[in-house]
N, C-alpha and C. Protein backbone atom coordinates (compact mmCIF):
# COMPACT_ATOMS: atom_id res chain seq x y z
N UNK A 1 0.85 -1.16 0.00
CA UNK A 1 0.00 0.00 0.00
C UNK A 1 0.90 1.23 0.00
N UNK A 2 0.72 2.09 -0.95
CA UNK A 2 1.52 3.30 -1.00
C UNK A 2 0.79 4.43 -0.29
N UNK A 3 1.55 5.45 0.07
CA UNK A 3 0.94 6.59 0.74
C UNK A 3 -0.08 7.28 -0.14
N UNK A 4 0.17 7.32 -1.44
CA UNK A 4 -0.77 7.98 -2.33
C UNK A 4 -2.07 7.20 -2.43
N UNK A 5 -2.00 5.88 -2.30
CA UNK A 5 -3.22 5.09 -2.42
C UNK A 5 -4.13 5.26 -1.22
N UNK A 6 -3.60 5.69 -0.09
CA UNK A 6 -4.48 5.92 1.06
C UNK A 6 -4.75 7.41 1.26
N UNK A 7 -4.26 8.22 0.35
CA UNK A 7 -4.63 9.62 0.30
C UNK A 7 -4.21 10.45 1.50
N UNK A 8 -2.97 10.35 1.93
CA UNK A 8 -2.57 11.08 3.12
C UNK A 8 -1.75 12.32 2.84
N UNK A 9 -1.49 12.63 1.59
CA UNK A 9 -0.70 13.82 1.28
C UNK A 9 -1.56 15.05 1.48
N UNK A 10 -1.04 16.00 2.22
CA UNK A 10 -1.76 17.23 2.50
C UNK A 10 -1.19 18.42 1.76
N UNK A 11 0.07 18.31 1.40
CA UNK A 11 0.71 19.46 0.79
C UNK A 11 1.65 19.02 -0.31
N UNK A 12 2.07 19.99 -1.10
CA UNK A 12 3.04 19.72 -2.15
C UNK A 12 4.34 19.24 -1.52
N UNK A 13 4.71 19.80 -0.36
CA UNK A 13 5.93 19.38 0.34
C UNK A 13 5.87 17.89 0.67
N UNK A 14 4.72 17.43 1.19
CA UNK A 14 4.56 16.00 1.49
C UNK A 14 4.72 15.17 0.22
N UNK A 15 4.15 15.63 -0.87
CA UNK A 15 4.21 14.88 -2.11
C UNK A 15 5.64 14.76 -2.61
N UNK A 16 6.41 15.86 -2.57
CA UNK A 16 7.79 15.83 -3.03
C UNK A 16 8.70 15.05 -2.09
N UNK A 17 8.45 15.08 -0.81
CA UNK A 17 9.33 14.38 0.13
C UNK A 17 9.04 12.89 0.17
N UNK A 18 7.97 12.45 -0.43
CA UNK A 18 7.67 11.03 -0.48
C UNK A 18 6.66 10.59 0.56
N UNK A 19 6.67 11.20 1.71
CA UNK A 19 5.72 10.85 2.75
C UNK A 19 5.70 11.95 3.80
N UNK A 20 4.54 12.19 4.37
CA UNK A 20 4.47 13.18 5.44
C UNK A 20 5.21 12.68 6.68
N UNK A 21 5.71 13.60 7.46
CA UNK A 21 6.40 13.21 8.69
C UNK A 21 5.41 12.63 9.68
N UNK A 22 5.89 11.80 10.59
CA UNK A 22 5.01 11.27 11.63
C UNK A 22 4.36 12.40 12.45
N UNK A 23 5.12 13.47 12.65
CA UNK A 23 4.59 14.58 13.43
C UNK A 23 3.42 15.26 12.71
N UNK A 24 3.55 15.43 11.38
CA UNK A 24 2.45 16.05 10.64
C UNK A 24 1.24 15.12 10.56
N UNK A 25 1.49 13.83 10.46
CA UNK A 25 0.37 12.87 10.47
C UNK A 25 -0.36 12.90 11.81
N UNK A 26 0.40 12.91 12.91
CA UNK A 26 -0.24 12.94 14.22
C UNK A 26 -0.96 14.26 14.43
N UNK A 27 -0.39 15.33 13.96
CA UNK A 27 -1.04 16.63 14.07
C UNK A 27 -2.39 16.62 13.34
N UNK A 28 -2.42 16.02 12.16
CA UNK A 28 -3.68 15.91 11.41
C UNK A 28 -4.67 15.02 12.15
N UNK A 29 -4.19 13.96 12.75
CA UNK A 29 -5.09 13.09 13.49
C UNK A 29 -5.66 13.83 14.70
N UNK A 30 -4.82 14.60 15.39
CA UNK A 30 -5.26 15.34 16.57
C UNK A 30 -6.28 16.41 16.17
N UNK A 31 -5.97 17.19 15.14
CA UNK A 31 -6.81 18.33 14.77
C UNK A 31 -8.09 17.93 14.05
N UNK A 32 -7.99 16.94 13.15
CA UNK A 32 -9.13 16.62 12.29
C UNK A 32 -9.72 15.24 12.52
N UNK A 33 -9.07 14.44 13.37
CA UNK A 33 -9.54 13.07 13.55
C UNK A 33 -9.35 12.24 12.31
N UNK A 34 -8.37 12.56 11.49
CA UNK A 34 -8.13 11.91 10.20
C UNK A 34 -7.67 10.47 10.42
N UNK A 35 -8.56 9.53 10.17
CA UNK A 35 -8.24 8.11 10.39
C UNK A 35 -7.18 7.61 9.40
N UNK A 36 -7.09 8.24 8.23
CA UNK A 36 -6.05 7.85 7.27
C UNK A 36 -4.67 8.21 7.81
N UNK A 37 -4.57 9.32 8.50
CA UNK A 37 -3.30 9.71 9.11
C UNK A 37 -2.91 8.71 10.20
N UNK A 38 -3.89 8.29 11.00
CA UNK A 38 -3.63 7.29 12.04
C UNK A 38 -3.20 5.97 11.41
N UNK A 39 -3.86 5.58 10.34
CA UNK A 39 -3.49 4.34 9.64
C UNK A 39 -2.06 4.41 9.14
N UNK A 40 -1.69 5.56 8.59
CA UNK A 40 -0.32 5.72 8.09
C UNK A 40 0.69 5.64 9.23
N UNK A 41 0.37 6.25 10.37
CA UNK A 41 1.26 6.16 11.54
C UNK A 41 1.42 4.71 11.98
N UNK A 42 0.31 4.00 12.04
CA UNK A 42 0.35 2.59 12.43
C UNK A 42 1.22 1.81 11.44
N UNK A 43 1.01 2.02 10.17
CA UNK A 43 1.75 1.34 9.12
C UNK A 43 3.25 1.63 9.22
N UNK A 44 3.60 2.88 9.53
CA UNK A 44 5.00 3.28 9.61
C UNK A 44 5.70 2.78 10.88
N UNK A 45 4.99 2.67 11.99
CA UNK A 45 5.67 2.48 13.28
C UNK A 45 5.32 1.21 14.04
N UNK A 46 4.33 0.48 13.63
CA UNK A 46 3.91 -0.66 14.44
C UNK A 46 4.97 -1.77 14.51
N UNK A 47 5.65 -2.06 13.42
CA UNK A 47 6.66 -3.12 13.46
C UNK A 47 7.80 -2.79 14.41
N UNK A 48 8.29 -1.56 14.36
CA UNK A 48 9.36 -1.14 15.27
C UNK A 48 8.89 -1.17 16.71
N UNK A 49 7.66 -0.72 16.95
CA UNK A 49 7.11 -0.73 18.30
C UNK A 49 6.99 -2.16 18.82
N UNK A 50 6.46 -3.05 17.99
CA UNK A 50 6.31 -4.45 18.40
C UNK A 50 7.68 -5.08 18.68
N UNK A 51 8.65 -4.82 17.82
CA UNK A 51 9.98 -5.41 18.03
C UNK A 51 10.59 -4.90 19.34
N UNK A 52 10.48 -3.63 19.61
CA UNK A 52 10.98 -3.08 20.88
C UNK A 52 10.33 -3.81 22.06
N UNK A 53 9.03 -3.96 22.02
CA UNK A 53 8.31 -4.64 23.11
C UNK A 53 8.67 -6.12 23.18
N UNK A 54 8.92 -6.73 22.03
CA UNK A 54 9.32 -8.14 21.98
C UNK A 54 10.68 -8.35 22.65
N UNK A 55 11.59 -7.42 22.41
CA UNK A 55 12.90 -7.50 23.06
C UNK A 55 12.75 -7.39 24.57
N UNK A 56 11.79 -6.59 25.01
CA UNK A 56 11.60 -6.33 26.43
C UNK A 56 10.72 -7.37 27.13
N UNK A 57 10.02 -8.22 26.38
CA UNK A 57 9.08 -9.16 26.99
C UNK A 57 8.96 -10.40 26.11
N UNK A 58 7.82 -11.03 26.11
CA UNK A 58 7.57 -12.18 25.24
C UNK A 58 6.59 -11.79 24.14
N UNK A 59 6.37 -12.68 23.19
CA UNK A 59 5.58 -12.37 22.01
C UNK A 59 4.13 -11.99 22.35
N UNK A 60 3.50 -12.72 23.25
CA UNK A 60 2.11 -12.43 23.59
C UNK A 60 1.97 -11.08 24.28
N UNK A 61 2.85 -10.82 25.24
CA UNK A 61 2.80 -9.56 25.96
C UNK A 61 3.14 -8.40 25.03
N UNK A 62 4.10 -8.58 24.15
CA UNK A 62 4.47 -7.53 23.20
C UNK A 62 3.29 -7.17 22.30
N UNK A 63 2.59 -8.17 21.79
CA UNK A 63 1.43 -7.91 20.94
C UNK A 63 0.33 -7.20 21.72
N UNK A 64 0.10 -7.63 22.94
CA UNK A 64 -0.92 -7.02 23.78
C UNK A 64 -0.60 -5.56 24.09
N UNK A 65 0.64 -5.30 24.47
CA UNK A 65 1.04 -3.93 24.82
C UNK A 65 1.05 -3.04 23.58
N UNK A 66 1.47 -3.56 22.44
CA UNK A 66 1.44 -2.77 21.21
C UNK A 66 0.01 -2.34 20.89
N UNK A 67 -0.92 -3.27 21.03
CA UNK A 67 -2.33 -2.94 20.78
C UNK A 67 -2.83 -1.90 21.78
N UNK A 68 -2.49 -2.07 23.05
CA UNK A 68 -2.91 -1.10 24.07
C UNK A 68 -2.30 0.27 23.80
N UNK A 69 -1.08 0.29 23.31
CA UNK A 69 -0.41 1.56 23.02
C UNK A 69 -1.14 2.31 21.91
N UNK A 70 -1.53 1.61 20.85
CA UNK A 70 -2.25 2.29 19.77
C UNK A 70 -3.61 2.77 20.24
N UNK A 71 -4.24 2.03 21.12
CA UNK A 71 -5.50 2.50 21.70
C UNK A 71 -5.28 3.77 22.51
N UNK A 72 -4.15 3.83 23.23
CA UNK A 72 -3.82 5.04 23.99
C UNK A 72 -3.54 6.21 23.06
N UNK A 73 -2.94 5.96 21.91
CA UNK A 73 -2.71 7.03 20.94
C UNK A 73 -4.06 7.65 20.56
N UNK A 74 -5.04 6.80 20.36
CA UNK A 74 -6.38 7.29 20.00
C UNK A 74 -7.02 8.02 21.18
N UNK A 75 -6.99 7.40 22.35
CA UNK A 75 -7.64 7.98 23.53
C UNK A 75 -6.96 9.25 24.03
N UNK A 76 -5.64 9.32 23.90
CA UNK A 76 -4.89 10.43 24.47
C UNK A 76 -4.29 11.34 23.41
N UNK A 77 -4.91 11.37 22.25
CA UNK A 77 -4.37 12.19 21.17
C UNK A 77 -4.26 13.65 21.57
N UNK A 78 -5.15 14.11 22.42
CA UNK A 78 -5.11 15.50 22.88
C UNK A 78 -3.87 15.81 23.71
N UNK A 79 -3.18 14.78 24.21
CA UNK A 79 -1.98 14.98 25.03
C UNK A 79 -0.70 15.04 24.20
N UNK A 80 -0.82 14.79 22.91
CA UNK A 80 0.37 14.83 22.06
C UNK A 80 0.87 16.26 21.95
N UNK A 81 2.16 16.43 22.23
CA UNK A 81 2.79 17.74 22.13
C UNK A 81 3.54 17.78 20.81
N UNK A 82 3.07 18.56 19.88
CA UNK A 82 3.65 18.59 18.54
C UNK A 82 5.10 19.06 18.51
N UNK A 83 5.60 19.58 19.63
CA UNK A 83 7.00 20.03 19.67
C UNK A 83 7.96 18.86 19.72
N UNK A 84 7.47 17.69 20.10
CA UNK A 84 8.34 16.53 20.25
C UNK A 84 8.24 15.57 19.08
N UNK A 85 9.11 14.60 19.11
CA UNK A 85 9.15 13.57 18.09
C UNK A 85 8.05 12.54 18.38
N UNK A 86 7.24 12.23 17.38
CA UNK A 86 6.13 11.30 17.57
C UNK A 86 6.61 9.95 18.08
N UNK A 87 7.69 9.43 17.50
CA UNK A 87 8.19 8.11 17.90
C UNK A 87 8.54 8.07 19.39
N UNK A 88 9.13 9.13 19.90
CA UNK A 88 9.49 9.18 21.32
C UNK A 88 8.23 9.14 22.18
N UNK A 89 7.20 9.87 21.77
CA UNK A 89 5.93 9.87 22.50
C UNK A 89 5.30 8.47 22.48
N UNK A 90 5.30 7.85 21.31
CA UNK A 90 4.73 6.52 21.14
C UNK A 90 5.47 5.49 22.00
N UNK A 91 6.79 5.49 21.93
CA UNK A 91 7.58 4.52 22.68
C UNK A 91 7.51 4.78 24.17
N UNK A 92 7.37 6.03 24.59
CA UNK A 92 7.21 6.33 26.02
C UNK A 92 5.90 5.73 26.52
N UNK A 93 4.83 5.88 25.76
CA UNK A 93 3.55 5.28 26.17
C UNK A 93 3.65 3.76 26.21
N UNK A 94 4.33 3.17 25.24
CA UNK A 94 4.50 1.71 25.21
C UNK A 94 5.31 1.24 26.41
N UNK A 95 6.38 1.94 26.71
CA UNK A 95 7.23 1.58 27.85
C UNK A 95 6.42 1.64 29.14
N UNK A 96 5.68 2.72 29.32
CA UNK A 96 4.87 2.87 30.53
C UNK A 96 3.82 1.78 30.63
N UNK A 97 3.19 1.44 29.52
CA UNK A 97 2.18 0.37 29.52
C UNK A 97 2.82 -0.98 29.86
N UNK A 98 4.01 -1.22 29.32
CA UNK A 98 4.71 -2.47 29.61
C UNK A 98 5.08 -2.55 31.09
N UNK A 99 5.64 -1.48 31.63
CA UNK A 99 6.00 -1.48 33.05
C UNK A 99 4.78 -1.65 33.94
N UNK A 100 3.68 -0.99 33.59
CA UNK A 100 2.43 -1.16 34.35
C UNK A 100 1.98 -2.61 34.34
N UNK A 101 2.05 -3.24 33.17
CA UNK A 101 1.63 -4.64 33.05
C UNK A 101 2.55 -5.56 33.84
N UNK A 102 3.85 -5.30 33.77
CA UNK A 102 4.79 -6.14 34.53
C UNK A 102 4.56 -5.98 36.04
N UNK A 103 4.29 -4.76 36.47
CA UNK A 103 3.98 -4.54 37.89
C UNK A 103 2.70 -5.26 38.26
N UNK A 104 1.70 -5.13 37.40
CA UNK A 104 0.40 -5.75 37.67
C UNK A 104 0.53 -7.26 37.82
N UNK A 105 1.38 -7.84 37.02
CA UNK A 105 1.57 -9.29 37.07
C UNK A 105 2.58 -9.71 38.12
N UNK A 106 3.01 -8.77 38.92
CA UNK A 106 3.96 -9.03 40.02
C UNK A 106 5.27 -9.63 39.53
N UNK A 107 5.64 -9.32 38.30
CA UNK A 107 6.93 -9.77 37.79
C UNK A 107 7.97 -8.67 37.97
N UNK A 108 7.54 -7.55 38.52
CA UNK A 108 8.42 -6.40 38.53
C UNK A 108 8.26 -5.65 39.84
N UNK A 109 9.35 -5.41 40.52
CA UNK A 109 9.32 -4.56 41.70
C UNK A 109 9.99 -3.25 41.32
N UNK A 110 9.33 -2.17 41.65
CA UNK A 110 9.86 -0.88 41.21
C UNK A 110 10.82 -0.29 42.24
N UNK A 111 11.98 -0.90 42.33
CA UNK A 111 13.08 -0.26 43.03
C UNK A 111 14.31 -0.45 42.16
N UNK A 112 15.25 0.45 42.26
CA UNK A 112 16.35 0.47 41.30
C UNK A 112 17.20 -0.79 41.32
N UNK A 113 17.38 -1.41 42.44
CA UNK A 113 18.18 -2.63 42.50
C UNK A 113 17.48 -3.75 41.74
N UNK A 114 16.17 -3.88 41.91
CA UNK A 114 15.43 -4.94 41.23
C UNK A 114 15.39 -4.68 39.72
N UNK A 115 15.18 -3.45 39.32
CA UNK A 115 15.12 -3.13 37.90
C UNK A 115 16.44 -3.42 37.22
N UNK A 116 17.55 -3.10 37.89
CA UNK A 116 18.86 -3.25 37.28
C UNK A 116 19.20 -4.70 36.99
N UNK A 117 18.67 -5.62 37.77
CA UNK A 117 19.00 -7.03 37.58
C UNK A 117 17.88 -7.83 36.93
N UNK A 118 16.75 -7.18 36.62
CA UNK A 118 15.60 -7.88 36.08
C UNK A 118 15.87 -8.41 34.68
N UNK A 119 15.51 -9.66 34.46
CA UNK A 119 15.47 -10.22 33.11
C UNK A 119 14.14 -10.94 32.98
N UNK A 120 13.64 -11.01 31.78
CA UNK A 120 12.39 -11.71 31.52
C UNK A 120 12.73 -13.14 31.14
N UNK A 121 12.13 -14.10 31.83
CA UNK A 121 12.38 -15.51 31.51
C UNK A 121 11.38 -15.95 30.45
N UNK A 122 11.88 -16.16 29.27
CA UNK A 122 11.00 -16.62 28.19
C UNK A 122 11.67 -17.77 27.46
N UNK A 123 11.95 -18.83 28.20
CA UNK A 123 12.65 -19.95 27.59
C UNK A 123 11.86 -20.59 26.46
N UNK A 124 10.53 -20.50 26.52
CA UNK A 124 9.76 -21.09 25.43
C UNK A 124 9.89 -20.28 24.14
N UNK A 125 10.26 -19.00 24.25
CA UNK A 125 10.43 -18.17 23.06
C UNK A 125 11.89 -18.03 22.65
N UNK A 126 12.78 -18.75 23.32
CA UNK A 126 14.20 -18.62 23.01
C UNK A 126 14.46 -19.04 21.57
N UNK A 127 15.33 -18.30 20.92
CA UNK A 127 15.67 -18.63 19.55
C UNK A 127 17.07 -19.20 19.50
N UNK A 128 17.42 -19.76 18.36
CA UNK A 128 18.77 -20.28 18.18
C UNK A 128 19.76 -19.18 17.85
N UNK A 129 19.26 -18.02 17.56
CA UNK A 129 20.13 -16.91 17.21
C UNK A 129 20.88 -16.43 18.44
N UNK A 130 22.21 -16.51 18.41
CA UNK A 130 23.04 -16.17 19.56
C UNK A 130 22.85 -14.72 20.00
N UNK A 131 22.77 -13.82 19.06
CA UNK A 131 22.64 -12.41 19.42
C UNK A 131 21.34 -12.15 20.17
N UNK A 132 20.23 -12.63 19.62
CA UNK A 132 18.94 -12.39 20.27
C UNK A 132 18.86 -13.09 21.62
N UNK A 133 19.45 -14.25 21.70
CA UNK A 133 19.49 -14.95 22.98
C UNK A 133 20.29 -14.16 24.01
N UNK A 134 21.43 -13.63 23.60
CA UNK A 134 22.25 -12.80 24.50
C UNK A 134 21.51 -11.52 24.87
N UNK A 135 20.82 -10.93 23.92
CA UNK A 135 20.06 -9.71 24.17
C UNK A 135 18.96 -9.96 25.19
N UNK A 136 18.28 -11.06 25.08
CA UNK A 136 17.19 -11.39 26.01
C UNK A 136 17.70 -11.56 27.44
N UNK A 137 18.97 -11.96 27.60
CA UNK A 137 19.52 -12.19 28.94
C UNK A 137 20.04 -10.93 29.61
N UNK A 138 20.09 -9.83 28.90
CA UNK A 138 20.55 -8.58 29.51
C UNK A 138 19.56 -8.10 30.58
N UNK A 139 20.06 -7.40 31.59
CA UNK A 139 19.12 -6.76 32.54
C UNK A 139 18.19 -5.81 31.78
N UNK A 140 16.99 -5.66 32.27
CA UNK A 140 15.95 -4.92 31.56
C UNK A 140 16.39 -3.51 31.16
N UNK A 141 17.01 -2.77 32.07
CA UNK A 141 17.38 -1.39 31.76
C UNK A 141 18.41 -1.32 30.63
N UNK A 142 19.35 -2.24 30.60
CA UNK A 142 20.36 -2.26 29.54
C UNK A 142 19.73 -2.69 28.21
N UNK A 143 18.88 -3.68 28.28
CA UNK A 143 18.20 -4.18 27.09
C UNK A 143 17.33 -3.07 26.49
N UNK A 144 16.66 -2.34 27.34
CA UNK A 144 15.80 -1.25 26.88
C UNK A 144 16.61 -0.16 26.19
N UNK A 145 17.68 0.29 26.83
CA UNK A 145 18.51 1.35 26.24
C UNK A 145 19.09 0.90 24.90
N UNK A 146 19.60 -0.32 24.85
CA UNK A 146 20.18 -0.85 23.62
C UNK A 146 19.13 -0.96 22.52
N UNK A 147 17.97 -1.48 22.86
CA UNK A 147 16.90 -1.64 21.88
C UNK A 147 16.43 -0.30 21.33
N UNK A 148 16.28 0.69 22.19
CA UNK A 148 15.87 2.01 21.73
C UNK A 148 16.93 2.63 20.83
N UNK A 149 18.19 2.43 21.16
CA UNK A 149 19.26 2.96 20.31
C UNK A 149 19.20 2.29 18.94
N UNK A 150 18.94 1.00 18.90
CA UNK A 150 18.85 0.28 17.64
C UNK A 150 17.65 0.73 16.82
N UNK A 151 16.63 1.26 17.48
CA UNK A 151 15.47 1.80 16.77
C UNK A 151 15.73 3.20 16.22
N UNK A 152 16.92 3.75 16.52
CA UNK A 152 17.30 5.03 15.95
C UNK A 152 17.11 6.23 16.85
N UNK A 153 16.77 6.01 18.11
CA UNK A 153 16.59 7.11 19.03
C UNK A 153 17.94 7.66 19.48
N UNK A 154 18.02 8.95 19.67
CA UNK A 154 19.23 9.60 20.16
C UNK A 154 19.34 9.39 21.67
N UNK A 155 20.50 9.70 22.23
CA UNK A 155 20.68 9.60 23.68
C UNK A 155 19.66 10.47 24.41
N UNK A 156 19.44 11.68 23.91
CA UNK A 156 18.47 12.58 24.55
C UNK A 156 17.06 11.98 24.51
N UNK A 157 16.69 11.38 23.39
CA UNK A 157 15.35 10.78 23.29
C UNK A 157 15.22 9.56 24.19
N UNK A 158 16.26 8.74 24.24
CA UNK A 158 16.23 7.57 25.13
C UNK A 158 16.13 8.03 26.58
N UNK A 159 16.87 9.05 26.92
CA UNK A 159 16.83 9.62 28.26
C UNK A 159 15.41 10.08 28.60
N UNK A 160 14.77 10.74 27.65
CA UNK A 160 13.40 11.21 27.86
C UNK A 160 12.42 10.05 28.01
N UNK A 161 12.53 9.06 27.16
CA UNK A 161 11.63 7.90 27.21
C UNK A 161 11.78 7.15 28.53
N UNK A 162 13.02 6.96 28.97
CA UNK A 162 13.29 6.17 30.19
C UNK A 162 13.27 7.00 31.48
N UNK A 163 13.14 8.30 31.35
CA UNK A 163 13.08 9.20 32.51
C UNK A 163 14.33 9.13 33.38
N UNK A 164 15.49 9.07 32.74
CA UNK A 164 16.77 9.08 33.45
C UNK A 164 17.75 10.00 32.72
N UNK A 165 18.81 10.46 33.40
CA UNK A 165 19.79 11.33 32.74
C UNK A 165 20.52 10.63 31.60
N UNK A 166 21.02 11.44 30.66
CA UNK A 166 21.75 10.89 29.52
C UNK A 166 22.98 10.10 29.94
N UNK A 167 23.65 10.54 30.98
CA UNK A 167 24.84 9.81 31.46
C UNK A 167 24.47 8.40 31.90
N UNK A 168 23.30 8.25 32.49
CA UNK A 168 22.83 6.92 32.89
C UNK A 168 22.59 6.06 31.66
N UNK A 169 22.02 6.65 30.62
CA UNK A 169 21.79 5.91 29.37
C UNK A 169 23.12 5.49 28.76
N UNK A 170 24.10 6.38 28.77
CA UNK A 170 25.42 6.03 28.23
C UNK A 170 26.02 4.84 28.98
N UNK A 171 25.88 4.85 30.29
CA UNK A 171 26.39 3.75 31.11
C UNK A 171 25.67 2.45 30.79
N UNK A 172 24.35 2.51 30.69
CA UNK A 172 23.57 1.31 30.37
C UNK A 172 23.97 0.76 29.00
N UNK A 173 24.17 1.65 28.05
CA UNK A 173 24.57 1.22 26.71
C UNK A 173 25.95 0.58 26.73
N UNK A 174 26.86 1.19 27.46
CA UNK A 174 28.22 0.64 27.53
C UNK A 174 28.19 -0.77 28.14
N UNK A 175 27.48 -0.94 29.25
CA UNK A 175 27.39 -2.26 29.88
C UNK A 175 26.69 -3.26 28.96
N UNK A 176 25.63 -2.83 28.30
CA UNK A 176 24.92 -3.74 27.40
C UNK A 176 25.83 -4.22 26.28
N UNK A 177 26.56 -3.30 25.68
CA UNK A 177 27.45 -3.67 24.57
C UNK A 177 28.59 -4.58 25.05
N UNK A 178 29.11 -4.30 26.24
CA UNK A 178 30.17 -5.16 26.78
C UNK A 178 29.65 -6.57 27.04
N UNK A 179 28.46 -6.67 27.62
CA UNK A 179 27.88 -7.98 27.91
C UNK A 179 27.53 -8.74 26.63
N UNK A 180 27.00 -8.03 25.63
CA UNK A 180 26.69 -8.68 24.36
C UNK A 180 27.96 -9.17 23.68
N UNK A 181 28.98 -8.34 23.68
CA UNK A 181 30.25 -8.73 23.06
C UNK A 181 30.83 -9.96 23.76
N UNK A 182 30.82 -9.95 25.08
CA UNK A 182 31.35 -11.08 25.85
C UNK A 182 30.54 -12.35 25.56
N UNK A 183 29.23 -12.24 25.55
CA UNK A 183 28.38 -13.41 25.30
C UNK A 183 28.63 -13.97 23.91
N UNK A 184 28.79 -13.10 22.93
CA UNK A 184 29.01 -13.57 21.56
C UNK A 184 30.41 -14.17 21.40
N UNK A 185 31.40 -13.61 22.09
CA UNK A 185 32.74 -14.17 22.03
C UNK A 185 32.78 -15.56 22.67
N UNK A 186 32.01 -15.75 23.74
CA UNK A 186 31.96 -17.06 24.40
C UNK A 186 31.32 -18.13 23.52
N UNK A 187 30.42 -17.72 22.62
CA UNK A 187 29.74 -18.65 21.73
C UNK A 187 30.64 -19.12 20.60
N UNK A 188 31.73 -18.35 20.34
CA UNK A 188 32.60 -18.69 19.22
C UNK A 188 33.60 -19.74 19.59
């Protein structure tokens, strides 16, 4: 499905650039309730959102949280601040929904020591891929920072999404990369 076939171009600029920005699509959805803009946002971002949640949890929970996140986009569209990046807003809502669900299921205690060492046990979803297996074994905070960086978020955006200083994100990324490198070297 191309963007032109769903009729989401609003301006000549959108037409020449190939696709409207996520921010302009969300702005149209907020102002006009344009369901085509929402569909385009879903089409552009759902796979990345699901993959991020999959890295952080298991397949069923990731699908559930992704669906809840898109429902929140609809319900809380009035809370979108057009000054920010849409993806950061979307991933922040997804992260919060995931943490709420983990707390609800008593798999998560919200203190810094527990968060730092938390890993999700999903042996039934384990893959043969060494990298993904090593990634799944990282502590949640490191896995989250690494996954967000792989999705293309900057340090400042990751810091905003995770509600921690940039220096903390840098540390989490450094530890995650060291642990991944060590795990992959041990497999060789």
